[in-house]
Amino acid sequence: MAREAGSFLGVAVLVKQVPDSAEIKMDPQTGTLLREGVPAVMNPDDRLGLETALLLKDGLDASVTALSMGPPQALDVLSEALAMGADRGVLLSDRNFAGADTWATSYTLGRALERLGQQESLDLVVCGRQASDGDTAQIGPQVAEHLGWPQVTYVERLAVEECELRAWRRLPGLVQEVLCPLPAVVTVLASPVAPRWPLLDRLLMACRSEAPLEVWDAADIAAPAASTGLKGSLTRVVRTFSPKSGRVTSWLEGSAGEQAQALINELRNHKLI
């Protein structure tokens, strides 16, 4: 649904529950993450995206919906999003969604966003640059492709002007200012301010049964099993491992000139110059 000048702004923020990266360890035998006993948190980049959306809400007639995909415990990050200021939370949870790669995940999220757009105005989708447990940075662009919407990546500041989005992108050595028509998808690299803390009264509200939290399954978004989860995934993880690194030290002898020539020879041998 396209947005008309001066009308209500509908914003959806993609958030993911991830293991606390400070506590993650690898199983040396299987090469998989050891998740047992590791606290789950909101993905740090998604927290920046949520704050960016809430800043828009602070200055506009807007509503923010937090959308996540995961097991039932992922409701915790949606409750936190509500406590930070989001108006609504939707969790996509279904056994058919398990084992999804980025392709199947973005398809599922895209179907849910289409349903959101049918229920109310949806003009902007905001997500973090990448998830700390995958680091692919693919979900945002893939969701944009699924929706057929323009996308702006590496955003550090946003403004909505009539029917356009003005975004400032952080690129190597420069900041690029972009004008983009709405509706659109953006991935956030940074936030103009530090993400706000959840408010206690809103956190308590989010824990009550009347909280605006919903759980949708595959039937709710009309997503066929063959297109979601492991069945809908185009990639397979063959092996995960921690790379081994070593260091070799060589001592240069002789006069300063001889050492300099030896160093040049070594660099040439390793094709560094």
Protein backbone atom coordinates (compact mmCIF):
# COMPACT_ATOMS: atom_id res chain seq x y z
CA MET A 1 0.00 0.00 0.00
CA ALA A 2 1.58 3.29 -1.09
CA ARG A 3 1.71 6.23 1.27
CA GLU A 4 0.07 9.56 0.47
CA ALA A 5 1.58 12.87 1.55
CA GLY A 6 0.77 13.74 5.16
CA SER A 7 -0.82 10.35 5.93
CA PHE A 8 -0.08 7.83 8.66
CA LEU A 9 3.31 6.07 8.38
CA GLY A 10 3.46 2.32 8.90
CA VAL A 11 6.87 0.91 9.86
CA ALA A 12 7.89 -2.72 10.40
CA VAL A 13 11.19 -3.58 12.09
CA LEU A 14 12.77 -7.01 11.68
CA VAL A 15 14.32 -8.23 14.92
CA LYS A 16 16.04 -11.51 15.70
CA GLN A 17 16.82 -13.33 18.92
CA VAL A 18 20.47 -14.46 18.89
CA PRO A 19 22.89 -16.01 21.38
CA ASP A 20 24.87 -13.42 23.35
CA SER A 21 28.03 -13.17 21.25
CA ALA A 22 30.16 -12.61 24.36
CA GLU A 23 29.18 -16.06 25.60
CA ILE A 24 29.31 -18.10 22.38
CA LYS A 25 31.64 -21.10 22.21
CA MET A 26 32.22 -23.71 19.52
CA ASP A 27 32.10 -27.47 19.94
CA PRO A 28 35.54 -28.54 18.65
CA GLN A 29 34.23 -31.98 17.65
CA THR A 30 31.09 -31.00 15.72
CA GLY A 31 31.99 -27.44 14.72
CA THR A 32 28.56 -26.21 15.87
CA LEU A 33 27.64 -23.42 18.27
CA LEU A 34 27.14 -24.40 21.90
CA ARG A 35 23.83 -22.68 22.66
CA GLU A 36 22.91 -24.49 25.88
CA GLY A 37 23.22 -22.15 28.83
CA VAL A 38 24.02 -19.16 26.58
CA PRO A 39 21.69 -16.21 27.18
CA ALA A 40 19.61 -15.03 24.22
CA VAL A 41 19.46 -11.33 23.35
CA MET A 42 18.13 -9.03 20.65
CA ASN A 43 20.53 -8.90 17.72
CA PRO A 44 22.64 -5.73 18.26
CA ASP A 45 22.20 -4.42 14.70
CA ASP A 46 18.43 -4.96 14.94
CA ARG A 47 18.39 -2.91 18.14
CA LEU A 48 19.93 -0.06 16.13
CA GLY A 49 17.25 -0.54 13.48
CA LEU A 50 14.51 -0.45 16.12
CA GLU A 51 15.87 2.77 17.60
CA THR A 52 16.01 4.32 14.12
CA ALA A 53 12.33 3.42 13.58
CA LEU A 54 11.35 4.74 17.01
CA LEU A 55 13.06 8.05 16.25
CA LEU A 56 10.82 8.34 13.18
CA LYS A 57 7.80 7.57 15.37
CA ASP A 58 8.85 10.26 17.86
CA GLY A 59 8.49 12.94 15.19
CA LEU A 60 5.72 11.56 12.94
CA ASP A 61 2.25 10.08 13.04
CA ALA A 62 3.59 6.55 12.81
CA SER A 63 3.16 3.03 14.13
CA VAL A 64 6.00 0.56 14.62
CA THR A 65 5.51 -3.22 14.38
CA ALA A 66 8.34 -5.51 15.49
CA LEU A 67 8.47 -8.74 13.44
CA SER A 68 10.57 -11.79 14.28
CA MET A 69 10.88 -15.42 13.21
CA GLY A 70 11.90 -18.10 15.67
CA PRO A 71 10.83 -20.49 18.42
CA PRO A 72 8.28 -19.43 21.06
CA GLN A 73 11.01 -18.02 23.34
CA ALA A 74 11.68 -15.35 20.71
CA LEU A 75 8.63 -13.58 22.15
CA ASP A 76 11.12 -12.22 24.70
CA VAL A 77 12.76 -9.92 22.14
CA LEU A 78 9.34 -8.76 20.94
CA SER A 79 8.37 -7.95 24.53
CA GLU A 80 11.58 -5.95 24.80
CA ALA A 81 10.73 -4.15 21.55
CA LEU A 82 7.32 -3.21 22.98
CA ALA A 83 9.00 -1.97 26.15
CA MET A 84 11.28 0.23 24.04
CA GLY A 85 8.30 1.80 22.26
CA ALA A 86 7.07 -0.49 19.47
CA ASP A 87 3.27 -0.63 19.15
CA ARG A 88 2.87 -4.26 18.15
CA GLY A 89 4.84 -7.49 17.99
CA VAL A 90 4.41 -10.43 15.62
CA LEU A 91 6.30 -13.72 15.93
CA LEU A 92 6.50 -16.19 13.04
CA SER A 93 6.76 -19.58 14.69
CA ASP A 94 6.10 -22.91 13.01
CA ARG A 95 7.99 -26.21 12.80
CA ASN A 96 8.00 -25.76 9.03
CA PHE A 97 10.18 -22.65 9.45
CA ALA A 98 13.02 -24.56 11.20
CA GLY A 99 16.40 -24.88 9.45
CA ALA A 100 15.78 -21.99 7.06
CA ASP A 101 18.69 -20.38 5.22
CA THR A 102 18.57 -16.69 4.27
CA TRP A 103 16.52 -17.41 1.13
CA ALA A 104 13.75 -19.29 2.99
CA THR A 105 13.89 -16.84 5.90
CA SER A 106 13.47 -13.79 3.68
CA TYR A 107 10.61 -15.51 1.82
CA THR A 108 8.81 -16.21 5.10
CA LEU A 109 9.38 -12.68 6.40
CA GLY A 110 8.24 -11.28 3.06
CA ARG A 111 4.98 -13.22 3.21
CA ALA A 112 4.37 -11.90 6.74
CA LEU A 113 5.10 -8.33 5.64
CA GLU A 114 2.61 -8.71 2.80
CA ARG A 115 -0.03 -9.70 5.35
CA LEU A 116 0.88 -6.74 7.53
CA GLY A 117 0.46 -4.49 4.51
CA GLN A 118 -3.02 -5.92 3.93
CA GLN A 119 -4.01 -5.21 7.53
CA GLU A 120 -2.72 -1.65 7.77
CA SER A 121 -0.50 0.86 6.00
CA LEU A 122 3.04 -0.44 5.54
CA ASP A 123 5.48 2.06 4.07
CA LEU A 124 8.88 1.17 5.47
CA VAL A 125 10.73 -1.97 6.57
CA VAL A 126 13.77 -1.42 8.79
CA CYS A 127 16.29 -4.08 9.76
CA GLY A 128 19.81 -4.26 11.08
CA ARG A 129 22.70 -4.68 8.69
CA GLN A 130 23.31 -8.29 9.74
CA ALA A 131 22.78 -10.82 12.52
CA SER A 132 25.61 -11.60 14.90
CA ASP A 133 25.04 -15.37 14.61
CA GLY A 134 25.18 -15.46 10.81
CA ASP A 135 26.87 -12.28 9.54
CA THR A 136 25.42 -12.74 6.05
CA ALA A 137 23.82 -9.27 5.67
CA GLN A 138 21.44 -10.86 3.14
CA ILE A 139 18.01 -10.74 4.79
CA GLY A 140 17.26 -7.06 4.22
CA PRO A 141 18.13 -7.03 0.50
CA GLN A 142 16.37 -10.36 -0.09
CA VAL A 143 13.20 -9.13 1.63
CA ALA A 144 13.29 -6.02 -0.59
CA GLU A 145 13.54 -8.23 -3.67
CA HIS A 146 10.65 -10.39 -2.47
CA LEU A 147 8.45 -7.32 -1.95
CA GLY A 148 9.67 -5.65 -5.13
CA TRP A 149 10.54 -2.50 -3.14
CA PRO A 150 13.60 -0.25 -3.49
CA GLN A 151 16.27 -0.71 -0.83
CA VAL A 152 18.88 1.46 0.87
CA THR A 153 21.69 -0.25 2.78
CA TYR A 154 24.30 0.87 5.36
CA VAL A 155 21.99 3.61 6.66
CA GLU A 156 22.97 5.62 9.73
CA ARG A 157 20.18 8.24 9.68
CA LEU A 158 16.69 8.49 8.19
CA ALA A 159 14.07 11.14 7.53
CA VAL A 160 10.66 10.89 5.86
CA GLU A 161 9.63 13.81 3.67
CA GLU A 162 6.13 13.56 2.15
CA CYS A 163 6.25 10.41 -0.01
CA GLU A 164 10.05 10.09 -0.02
CA LEU A 165 12.68 8.69 2.26
CA ARG A 166 15.90 10.61 2.80
CA ALA A 167 18.70 8.36 4.00
CA TRP A 168 22.34 8.94 4.87
CA ARG A 169 24.54 5.93 4.04
CA ARG A 170 27.93 5.33 5.64
CA LEU A 171 30.35 4.17 2.95
CA PRO A 172 34.16 3.87 3.11
CA GLY A 173 35.51 7.39 3.45
CA LEU A 174 32.22 9.20 2.83
CA VAL A 175 28.55 9.65 3.70
CA GLN A 176 26.10 9.36 0.80
CA GLU A 177 22.73 11.15 0.94
CA VAL A 178 19.99 9.27 -0.92
CA LEU A 179 16.37 10.08 -1.82
CA CYS A 180 14.18 7.00 -2.21
CA PRO A 181 10.45 6.63 -2.93
CA LEU A 182 8.24 4.86 -0.40
CA PRO A 183 7.51 2.05 0.27
CA ALA A 184 11.10 0.91 0.81
CA VAL A 185 13.39 -1.38 2.79
CA VAL A 186 16.46 -0.09 4.66
CA THR A 187 19.25 -1.86 6.51
CA VAL A 188 20.75 0.10 9.38
CA LEU A 189 24.45 0.33 10.12
CA ALA A 190 24.25 2.79 13.02
CA SER A 191 21.78 4.92 14.95
CA PRO A 192 21.95 8.70 15.48
CA VAL A 193 21.68 8.03 19.24
CA ALA A 194 22.26 5.07 21.51
CA PRO A 195 19.27 2.70 21.61
CA ARG A 196 16.87 3.64 24.39
CA TRP A 197 16.34 1.46 27.44
CA PRO A 198 13.10 -0.51 27.82
CA LEU A 199 10.64 1.17 30.18
CA LEU A 200 9.60 -0.90 33.19
CA ASP A 201 5.88 -0.16 32.91
CA ARG A 202 5.88 -1.09 29.22
CA LEU A 203 7.91 -4.24 29.96
CA LEU A 204 5.33 -5.29 32.55
CA MET A 205 2.58 -4.56 30.02
CA ALA A 206 4.34 -6.71 27.42
CA CYS A 207 4.31 -9.65 29.84
CA ARG A 208 0.53 -9.53 30.30
CA SER A 209 -1.90 -11.54 28.22
CA GLU A 210 -3.51 -8.43 26.72
CA ALA A 211 -0.18 -7.25 25.25
CA PRO A 212 -0.27 -6.58 21.47
CA LEU A 213 1.75 -9.72 20.69
CA GLU A 214 0.67 -12.22 18.04
CA VAL A 215 2.06 -15.56 16.87
CA TRP A 216 1.57 -16.49 13.22
CA ASP A 217 2.21 -19.88 11.68
CA ALA A 218 2.66 -20.94 8.05
CA ALA A 219 -1.09 -21.03 7.44
CA ASP A 220 -1.52 -17.46 8.68
CA ILE A 221 0.81 -16.13 5.98
CA ALA A 222 -0.19 -18.68 3.31
CA ALA A 223 3.39 -19.98 3.07
CA PRO A 224 3.67 -23.49 1.56
CA ALA A 225 5.94 -25.90 3.43
CA ALA A 226 8.04 -26.46 0.31
CA SER A 227 9.11 -22.80 0.33
CA THR A 228 9.97 -22.43 4.01
CA GLY A 229 12.42 -23.86 6.48
CA LEU A 230 14.88 -26.55 5.45
CA LYS A 231 12.74 -27.63 2.48
CA GLY A 232 12.76 -24.16 1.00
CA SER A 233 16.46 -23.51 1.60
CA LEU A 234 18.83 -23.32 -1.35
CA THR A 235 22.04 -23.71 0.66
CA ARG A 236 23.45 -26.35 3.00
CA VAL A 237 26.12 -25.86 5.66
CA VAL A 238 28.77 -28.51 5.01
CA ARG A 239 31.09 -27.67 7.89
CA THR A 240 31.65 -24.95 10.48
CA PHE A 241 35.03 -24.55 12.12
CA SER A 242 37.31 -22.06 13.82
CA PRO A 243 40.30 -21.23 11.60
CA LYS A 244 43.72 -22.06 12.98
CA SER A 245 46.34 -19.37 12.89
CA GLY A 246 50.09 -19.51 13.53
CA ARG A 247 52.95 -17.07 13.58
CA VAL A 248 56.51 -17.53 12.33
CA THR A 249 59.22 -15.04 13.29
CA SER A 250 62.35 -14.50 11.21
CA TRP A 251 65.27 -12.39 12.43
CA LEU A 252 67.19 -10.24 10.00
CA GLU A 253 70.92 -9.97 10.58
CA GLY A 254 73.71 -7.84 9.22
CA SER A 255 74.01 -4.11 8.68
CA ALA A 256 70.98 -1.84 8.34
CA GLY A 257 71.37 -1.91 4.55
CA GLU A 258 71.66 -5.71 4.48
CA GLN A 259 68.57 -6.07 6.70
CA ALA A 260 66.60 -3.70 4.45
CA GLN A 261 67.55 -5.68 1.33
CA ALA A 262 66.68 -8.97 3.05
CA LEU A 263 63.28 -7.55 4.03
CA ILE A 264 62.62 -6.43 0.45
CA ASN A 265 63.55 -9.88 -0.82
CA GLU A 266 61.17 -11.54 1.64
CA LEU A 267 58.31 -9.24 0.62
CA ARG A 268 58.99 -9.97 -3.04
CA ASN A 269 59.09 -13.73 -2.37
CA HIS A 270 55.64 -13.50 -0.77
CA LYS A 271 54.39 -11.27 -3.63
CA LEU A 272 53.64 -8.43 -1.23
CA ILE A 273 55.51 -5.89 -3.38
